[in-house]
């Protein structure tokens, strides 16, 4: 009789029956291990939570006074004889991959991740395993990110140009992840950074956790509008088109998202500028991350799961598509039926080389 796998997919989330815990469950459970504090991975209602310590204050801010245990990267917790260890995912501050080990069987749940070191959160580390559970939010060849140094040089030049032309500058990005990357990479010699309350609440939670961020100023009803317009305004997607945002007119509005790589996405967001900035791995990042684990099988949880599973299978991976409730982040919800630059899937996939077999740097 085949041995039951260490992790299984259930209607509540990813479950370890031997350890009696779930990873990123979306229904209330007794014991939840959380990869990061985004709303599609960290739900209210669990009796006990385990997460990385840099997620602590954001989880309290978002979920209330939960029963939360936090650990460092590389620190192992035993749950009913099963080893649980967190490793950097490079997604947002406090994000983690979860390694689960029992009787020599090793699984890694990536949560969400990106492979580029953004200089803000701990960079992604490949973790050797037998089974890898991966996202594939941007699992199509059209999604290939430029280095963020190039992107932020463009953003700072745009801000300077707006200032010289008496236009306010508004940048939209998700409150946990993109907002902090933007804040840490702006040229403060141009002006001050002003923030929407939702952004600043998250910044304050991170600062309570010991995270050092560049100075920001919360916009309130008492803020001097003329002074705010001289700086750069960081806002969440929910602010787009709102009376709050309109009061800074005339402004130039930039939207930060991986979906900006798709033709027409900027127009659909009604943005003046589209910045291709994502906290998820691009096509090449996904393939290199999966390959670096040396895994025997890979499970794709959200994103372009069907097509990416097919591609991985064609190049020799034992790949499986699974269905979860992940992938609902505010700025990373895929546009309906996106145009992939006029190219068919097969044409795109055929232009991509299969991954190599280099496991150097994988953690055992």
Protein backbone atom coordinates (compact mmCIF):
# COMPACT_ATOMS: atom_id res chain seq x y z
CA UNK A 1 0.00 0.00 0.00
CA UNK A 2 1.52 3.39 -1.01
CA UNK A 3 2.54 5.67 1.83
CA UNK A 4 0.27 8.67 2.32
CA UNK A 5 2.01 11.90 1.20
CA UNK A 6 3.22 14.21 3.95
CA UNK A 7 1.18 17.12 2.59
CA UNK A 8 -2.21 16.96 0.89
CA UNK A 9 -4.61 19.45 -0.65
CA UNK A 10 -7.96 19.78 1.12
CA UNK A 11 -10.98 22.07 1.04
CA UNK A 12 -9.45 24.04 3.94
CA UNK A 13 -5.90 24.38 2.62
CA UNK A 14 -2.63 22.48 2.45
CA UNK A 15 -2.73 19.91 5.26
CA UNK A 16 -0.12 17.86 7.11
CA UNK A 17 -2.10 15.07 8.79
CA UNK A 18 0.94 13.71 10.61
CA UNK A 19 1.81 17.11 12.07
CA UNK A 20 -1.86 18.14 12.48
CA UNK A 21 -1.38 21.58 10.94
CA UNK A 22 -2.32 23.49 7.80
CA UNK A 23 -0.29 25.88 5.66
CA UNK A 24 -2.11 29.07 4.59
CA UNK A 25 -5.59 27.62 5.22
CA UNK A 26 -8.58 29.65 4.04
CA UNK A 27 -11.05 28.13 6.51
CA UNK A 28 -10.70 28.20 10.31
CA UNK A 29 -8.37 25.50 11.68
CA UNK A 30 -6.64 24.73 14.98
CA UNK A 31 -3.06 25.18 13.80
CA UNK A 32 -2.01 27.35 10.84
CA UNK A 33 1.47 28.01 9.45
CA UNK A 34 1.41 31.27 7.46
CA UNK A 35 3.76 32.07 4.58
CA UNK A 36 3.09 35.83 4.64
CA UNK A 37 0.58 38.47 5.68
CA UNK A 38 -1.27 39.08 2.41
CA UNK A 39 -5.02 38.60 2.74
CA UNK A 40 -5.22 35.60 0.41
CA UNK A 41 -2.78 33.65 2.60
CA UNK A 42 -3.50 34.91 6.14
CA UNK A 43 -7.12 34.54 7.22
CA UNK A 44 -8.80 35.34 10.52
CA UNK A 45 -10.30 32.57 12.66
CA UNK A 46 -7.47 30.09 13.34
CA UNK A 47 -6.75 29.05 16.93
CA UNK A 48 -2.96 29.20 16.55
CA UNK A 49 -0.69 30.88 14.00
CA UNK A 50 2.99 30.41 13.18
CA UNK A 51 4.78 32.94 10.96
CA UNK A 52 8.07 34.78 10.48
CA UNK A 53 8.72 37.42 13.13
CA UNK A 54 8.70 40.30 10.58
CA UNK A 55 5.08 39.43 9.77
CA UNK A 56 4.05 39.82 13.42
CA UNK A 57 2.85 43.42 13.57
CA UNK A 58 1.22 43.38 10.12
CA UNK A 59 -0.68 40.21 11.07
CA UNK A 60 -1.85 41.84 14.31
CA UNK A 61 -2.86 44.97 12.38
CA UNK A 62 -4.81 42.97 9.82
CA UNK A 63 -6.23 40.10 11.91
CA UNK A 64 -6.47 41.51 15.44
CA UNK A 65 -5.20 39.89 18.64
CA UNK A 66 -4.52 36.41 17.31
CA UNK A 67 -2.60 33.63 19.10
CA UNK A 68 0.64 34.06 17.16
CA UNK A 69 4.03 32.37 17.45
CA UNK A 70 6.88 33.79 15.39
CA UNK A 71 10.27 32.39 14.40
CA UNK A 72 13.40 33.39 12.49
CA UNK A 73 14.43 32.06 9.09
CA UNK A 74 16.19 28.73 9.53
CA UNK A 75 14.60 28.07 12.93
CA UNK A 76 12.91 24.66 13.18
CA UNK A 77 9.69 24.02 15.10
CA UNK A 78 8.52 20.47 15.83
CA UNK A 79 4.82 19.75 15.35
CA UNK A 80 3.87 16.23 16.44
CA UNK A 81 7.23 14.90 15.28
CA UNK A 82 7.23 16.83 11.97
CA UNK A 83 9.94 19.44 11.32
CA UNK A 84 8.72 22.86 10.16
CA UNK A 85 11.34 25.42 9.06
CA UNK A 86 10.92 28.82 7.43
CA UNK A 87 13.17 30.13 4.61
CA UNK A 88 13.10 33.47 2.77
CA UNK A 89 10.64 33.75 -0.11
CA UNK A 90 11.71 37.21 -1.30
CA UNK A 91 8.05 38.16 -1.88
CA UNK A 92 7.45 40.86 0.76
CA UNK A 93 8.88 41.70 4.18
CA UNK A 94 8.36 38.66 6.43
CA UNK A 95 7.42 36.26 3.63
CA UNK A 96 8.60 32.68 3.98
CA UNK A 97 8.77 29.33 2.27
CA UNK A 98 7.72 26.51 4.58
CA UNK A 99 9.88 23.36 4.59
CA UNK A 100 8.16 20.30 6.09
CA UNK A 101 10.21 17.18 6.86
CA UNK A 102 9.30 13.76 8.24
CA UNK A 103 11.12 10.42 7.89
CA UNK A 104 13.32 11.76 5.12
CA UNK A 105 10.40 13.09 3.05
CA UNK A 106 10.82 16.82 2.26
CA UNK A 107 8.14 19.20 1.01
CA UNK A 108 8.48 22.95 0.47
CA UNK A 109 5.50 25.30 0.22
CA UNK A 110 6.65 28.51 -1.44
CA UNK A 111 3.61 30.67 -0.79
CA UNK A 112 4.34 33.60 -3.14
CA UNK A 113 7.91 34.45 -4.11
CA UNK A 114 10.19 36.43 -6.39
CA UNK A 115 13.79 35.66 -7.21
CA UNK A 116 15.14 39.20 -7.73
CA UNK A 117 16.75 40.68 -4.60
CA UNK A 118 14.80 43.89 -4.07
CA UNK A 119 17.01 45.17 -1.24
CA UNK A 120 13.98 45.46 1.05
CA UNK A 121 13.02 41.93 2.11
CA UNK A 122 15.26 38.92 2.69
CA UNK A 123 16.12 37.51 -0.76
CA UNK A 124 14.69 34.22 -2.01
CA UNK A 125 16.69 31.09 -1.16
CA UNK A 126 16.21 27.85 -3.11
CA UNK A 127 15.46 24.98 -0.73
CA UNK A 128 16.20 21.39 -1.80
CA UNK A 129 13.17 19.11 -1.56
CA UNK A 130 11.36 16.14 -3.04
CA UNK A 131 8.07 18.00 -3.60
CA UNK A 132 7.71 21.73 -4.30
CA UNK A 133 4.41 23.61 -4.08
CA UNK A 134 4.74 26.73 -6.21
CA UNK A 135 2.71 29.66 -7.39
CA UNK A 136 2.78 30.63 -11.08
CA UNK A 137 1.00 33.99 -11.05
CA UNK A 138 3.08 35.14 -14.03
CA UNK A 139 3.76 31.76 -15.59
CA UNK A 140 3.80 32.90 -19.21
CA UNK A 141 6.85 33.92 -21.30
CA UNK A 142 5.51 37.44 -21.88
CA UNK A 143 6.20 38.20 -18.22
CA UNK A 144 9.91 38.92 -17.95
CA UNK A 145 10.91 41.70 -15.56
CA UNK A 146 13.57 44.32 -16.17
CA UNK A 147 16.03 44.99 -13.31
CA UNK A 148 14.36 47.16 -10.68
CA UNK A 149 17.24 49.69 -10.82
CA UNK A 150 16.15 50.51 -14.37
CA UNK A 151 12.49 50.76 -13.37
CA UNK A 152 13.12 53.08 -10.43
CA UNK A 153 15.42 55.31 -12.46
CA UNK A 154 12.48 55.72 -14.84
CA UNK A 155 10.10 56.42 -11.96
CA UNK A 156 12.36 59.06 -10.39
CA UNK A 157 12.81 60.80 -13.76
CA UNK A 158 9.05 60.82 -14.23
CA UNK A 159 8.56 62.33 -10.76
CA UNK A 160 11.12 65.06 -11.51
CA UNK A 161 9.46 65.80 -14.86
CA UNK A 162 6.04 66.11 -13.20
CA UNK A 163 7.41 68.47 -10.57
CA UNK A 164 8.90 70.71 -13.24
CA UNK A 165 5.55 70.81 -15.03
CA UNK A 166 3.43 71.61 -11.96
CA UNK A 167 1.84 68.17 -11.86
CA UNK A 168 1.44 66.15 -8.70
CA UNK A 169 2.82 62.59 -8.85
CA UNK A 170 0.68 59.68 -7.63
CA UNK A 171 2.05 56.12 -7.58
CA UNK A 172 -0.31 53.21 -6.89
CA UNK A 173 0.89 49.95 -5.40
CA UNK A 174 -0.24 47.33 -2.90
CA UNK A 175 0.18 48.42 0.72
CA UNK A 176 2.36 45.46 1.78
CA UNK A 177 5.22 44.79 -0.61
CA UNK A 178 5.15 47.23 -3.50
CA UNK A 179 4.68 50.31 -1.32
CA UNK A 180 7.82 49.58 0.68
CA UNK A 181 9.87 48.80 -2.45
CA UNK A 182 8.79 52.11 -3.94
CA UNK A 183 9.52 54.05 -0.75
CA UNK A 184 13.00 52.55 -0.41
CA UNK A 185 13.97 53.29 -4.01
CA UNK A 186 12.76 56.86 -4.51
CA UNK A 187 15.24 59.73 -4.89
CA UNK A 188 14.52 61.81 -1.78
CA UNK A 189 16.51 64.73 -3.17
CA UNK A 190 13.51 65.38 -5.44
CA UNK A 191 11.02 65.77 -2.60
CA UNK A 192 9.14 64.16 0.26
CA UNK A 193 7.10 60.96 0.28
CA UNK A 194 3.43 61.30 1.27
CA UNK A 195 1.22 58.29 1.94
CA UNK A 196 -2.43 57.31 1.95
CA UNK A 197 -3.59 56.12 5.38
CA UNK A 198 -3.79 52.46 4.30
CA UNK A 199 -0.16 52.58 3.17
CA UNK A 200 1.00 54.39 6.29
CA UNK A 201 -0.80 51.98 8.62
CA UNK A 202 1.21 49.15 7.10
CA UNK A 203 4.43 51.19 7.29
CA UNK A 204 3.80 51.88 10.97
CA UNK A 205 3.20 48.18 11.67
CA UNK A 206 6.48 47.29 9.97
CA UNK A 207 8.34 50.00 11.88
CA UNK A 208 6.94 48.62 15.16
CA UNK A 209 8.51 45.35 14.08
CA UNK A 210 11.91 47.03 13.75
CA UNK A 211 11.90 47.52 9.97
CA UNK A 212 13.71 50.70 8.93
CA UNK A 213 11.98 52.57 6.10
CA UNK A 214 12.63 55.94 4.50
CA UNK A 215 10.66 58.84 6.05
CA UNK A 216 7.03 59.10 4.98
CA UNK A 217 4.26 61.52 5.90
CA UNK A 218 0.64 60.45 6.30
CA UNK A 219 -1.86 62.56 4.34
CA UNK A 220 -4.64 63.82 6.62
CA UNK A 221 -7.44 66.38 6.37
CA UNK A 222 -4.99 68.90 7.80
CA UNK A 223 -2.27 68.29 5.21
CA UNK A 224 -1.28 71.26 3.09
CA UNK A 225 -2.36 70.24 -0.41
CA UNK A 226 0.19 72.47 -2.12
CA UNK A 227 3.03 70.95 -0.13
CA UNK A 228 1.80 67.41 -0.77
CA UNK A 229 1.67 68.10 -4.52
CA UNK A 230 5.39 68.95 -4.47
CA UNK A 231 6.24 65.49 -3.19
CA UNK A 232 5.25 62.02 -4.40
CA UNK A 233 2.03 60.38 -3.22
CA UNK A 234 1.88 56.62 -2.58
CA UNK A 235 -1.65 55.22 -2.70
CA UNK A 236 -3.34 51.79 -2.71
CA UNK A 237 -5.34 50.54 -5.74
CA UNK A 238 -8.59 51.31 -3.89
CA UNK A 239 -7.79 55.04 -4.11
CA UNK A 240 -7.85 55.12 -7.93
CA UNK A 241 -10.62 57.44 -9.15
CA UNK A 242 -11.67 58.35 -5.61
CA UNK A 243 -12.45 61.86 -4.34
CA UNK A 244 -9.35 61.51 -2.12
CA UNK A 245 -7.15 61.19 -5.20
CA UNK A 246 -8.95 63.80 -7.28
CA UNK A 247 -8.19 66.53 -4.75
CA UNK A 248 -4.54 66.48 -5.89
CA UNK A 249 -5.36 67.38 -9.51
CA UNK A 250 -3.68 68.08 -11.80
CA UNK A 251 -1.62 64.94 -11.34
CA UNK A 252 0.13 62.22 -13.31
CA UNK A 253 -0.86 58.77 -12.09
CA UNK A 254 1.39 55.71 -12.32
CA UNK A 255 0.25 52.12 -11.66
CA UNK A 256 2.74 49.50 -10.43
CA UNK A 257 1.92 45.90 -11.30
CA UNK A 258 3.28 42.95 -13.19
CA UNK A 259 0.15 43.14 -15.34
CA UNK A 260 1.51 46.34 -16.84
CA UNK A 261 3.57 44.05 -19.09
CA UNK A 262 0.36 43.25 -21.01
CA UNK A 263 -0.70 45.49 -23.85
CA UNK A 264 -3.69 47.58 -22.83
CA UNK A 265 -3.32 47.04 -19.07
CA UNK A 266 -2.31 50.66 -18.46
CA UNK A 267 -5.34 51.85 -20.39
CA UNK A 268 -7.68 49.56 -18.44
CA UNK A 269 -6.30 50.96 -15.18
CA UNK A 270 -6.76 54.52 -16.55
CA UNK A 271 -3.13 55.23 -15.67
CA UNK A 272 -0.81 57.79 -17.26
CA UNK A 273 2.15 55.51 -16.68
CA UNK A 274 2.45 51.79 -16.16
CA UNK A 275 5.42 50.47 -14.19
CA UNK A 276 6.06 46.74 -14.56
CA UNK A 277 6.79 46.07 -10.90
CA UNK A 278 5.73 42.81 -9.26
CA UNK A 279 6.51 41.01 -6.02
CA UNK A 280 6.07 37.69 -7.85
CA UNK A 281 8.61 35.75 -9.89
CA UNK A 282 8.54 36.24 -13.64
CA UNK A 283 8.67 33.40 -16.19
CA UNK A 284 12.41 32.87 -15.91
CA UNK A 285 12.34 33.25 -12.13
CA UNK A 286 9.68 30.56 -11.76
CA UNK A 287 11.56 28.07 -13.88
CA UNK A 288 14.92 28.73 -12.22
CA UNK A 289 13.41 28.52 -8.72
CA UNK A 290 11.64 25.24 -9.41
CA UNK A 291 14.74 23.77 -11.06
CA UNK A 292 16.98 24.84 -8.17
CA UNK A 293 15.00 22.78 -5.65
CA UNK A 294 15.90 19.53 -7.43
CA UNK A 295 12.34 18.42 -6.74
CA UNK A 296 10.85 15.16 -7.98
CA UNK A 297 7.42 16.74 -8.40
CA UNK A 298 5.98 20.25 -8.50
CA UNK A 299 2.45 21.41 -7.71
CA UNK A 300 1.12 24.70 -9.15
CA UNK A 301 -1.41 26.46 -6.93
CA UNK A 302 -2.44 29.72 -8.62
CA UNK A 303 -1.82 31.78 -11.71
CA UNK A 304 -1.44 30.29 -15.20
CA UNK A 305 -1.61 26.82 -13.68
CA UNK A 306 -2.89 24.83 -16.68
CA UNK A 307 -0.48 26.15 -19.29
CA UNK A 308 2.51 26.27 -16.93
CA UNK A 309 1.84 22.68 -15.78
CA UNK A 310 1.75 21.59 -19.40
CA UNK A 311 5.02 23.37 -20.18
CA UNK A 312 6.84 21.92 -17.17
CA UNK A 313 5.59 18.43 -18.06
CA UNK A 314 6.86 18.83 -21.61
CA UNK A 315 10.38 19.67 -20.42
CA UNK A 316 10.58 16.76 -18.00
CA UNK A 317 9.07 17.82 -14.68
CA UNK A 318 6.42 15.76 -12.87
CA UNK A 319 4.04 18.76 -12.70
CA UNK A 320 0.51 18.92 -11.30
CA UNK A 321 -2.17 21.60 -11.30
CA UNK A 322 -4.03 22.04 -8.00
CA UNK A 323 -6.89 24.33 -7.05
CA UNK A 324 -6.64 26.71 -4.09
CA UNK A 325 -8.03 30.10 -3.05
CA UNK A 326 -4.68 31.88 -3.37
CA UNK A 327 -4.00 34.67 -5.82
CA UNK A 328 -6.49 37.30 -4.69
CA UNK A 329 -4.09 40.14 -3.94
CA UNK A 330 -5.58 43.48 -4.82
CA UNK A 331 -3.08 44.52 -7.46
CA UNK A 332 -2.21 41.08 -8.77
CA UNK A 333 -5.60 39.86 -9.97
CA UNK A 334 -5.22 39.00 -13.63
CA UNK A 335 -7.18 41.05 -16.17
CA UNK A 336 -9.88 38.97 -17.84
CA UNK A 337 -8.72 37.33 -21.07
CA UNK A 338 -5.45 39.31 -21.35
CA UNK A 339 -3.85 39.82 -24.73
CA UNK A 340 -0.43 38.20 -24.71
CA UNK A 341 1.13 40.64 -27.15
CA UNK A 342 -0.70 39.01 -30.04
CA UNK A 343 1.15 35.70 -29.73
CA UNK A 344 -0.31 32.26 -29.13
CA UNK A 345 0.71 30.18 -26.12
CA UNK A 346 2.48 27.55 -28.19
CA UNK A 347 4.53 30.20 -29.98
CA UNK A 348 5.58 31.71 -26.65
CA UNK A 349 6.40 28.39 -25.01
CA UNK A 350 8.43 27.16 -27.95
CA UNK A 351 10.76 30.15 -27.67
CA UNK A 352 11.79 29.30 -24.12
CA UNK A 353 14.69 26.95 -23.38
CA UNK A 354 14.23 24.23 -20.76
CA UNK A 355 15.92 24.83 -17.40
CA UNK A 356 19.36 23.50 -16.55
CA UNK A 357 20.26 21.18 -13.71
CA UNK A 358 22.37 23.44 -11.51
CA UNK A 359 21.48 22.88 -7.84
CA UNK A 360 24.31 25.01 -6.47
CA UNK A 361 23.11 27.09 -3.54
CA UNK A 362 20.19 24.85 -2.61
CA UNK A 363 19.75 24.38 1.12
CA UNK A 364 19.71 20.84 2.51
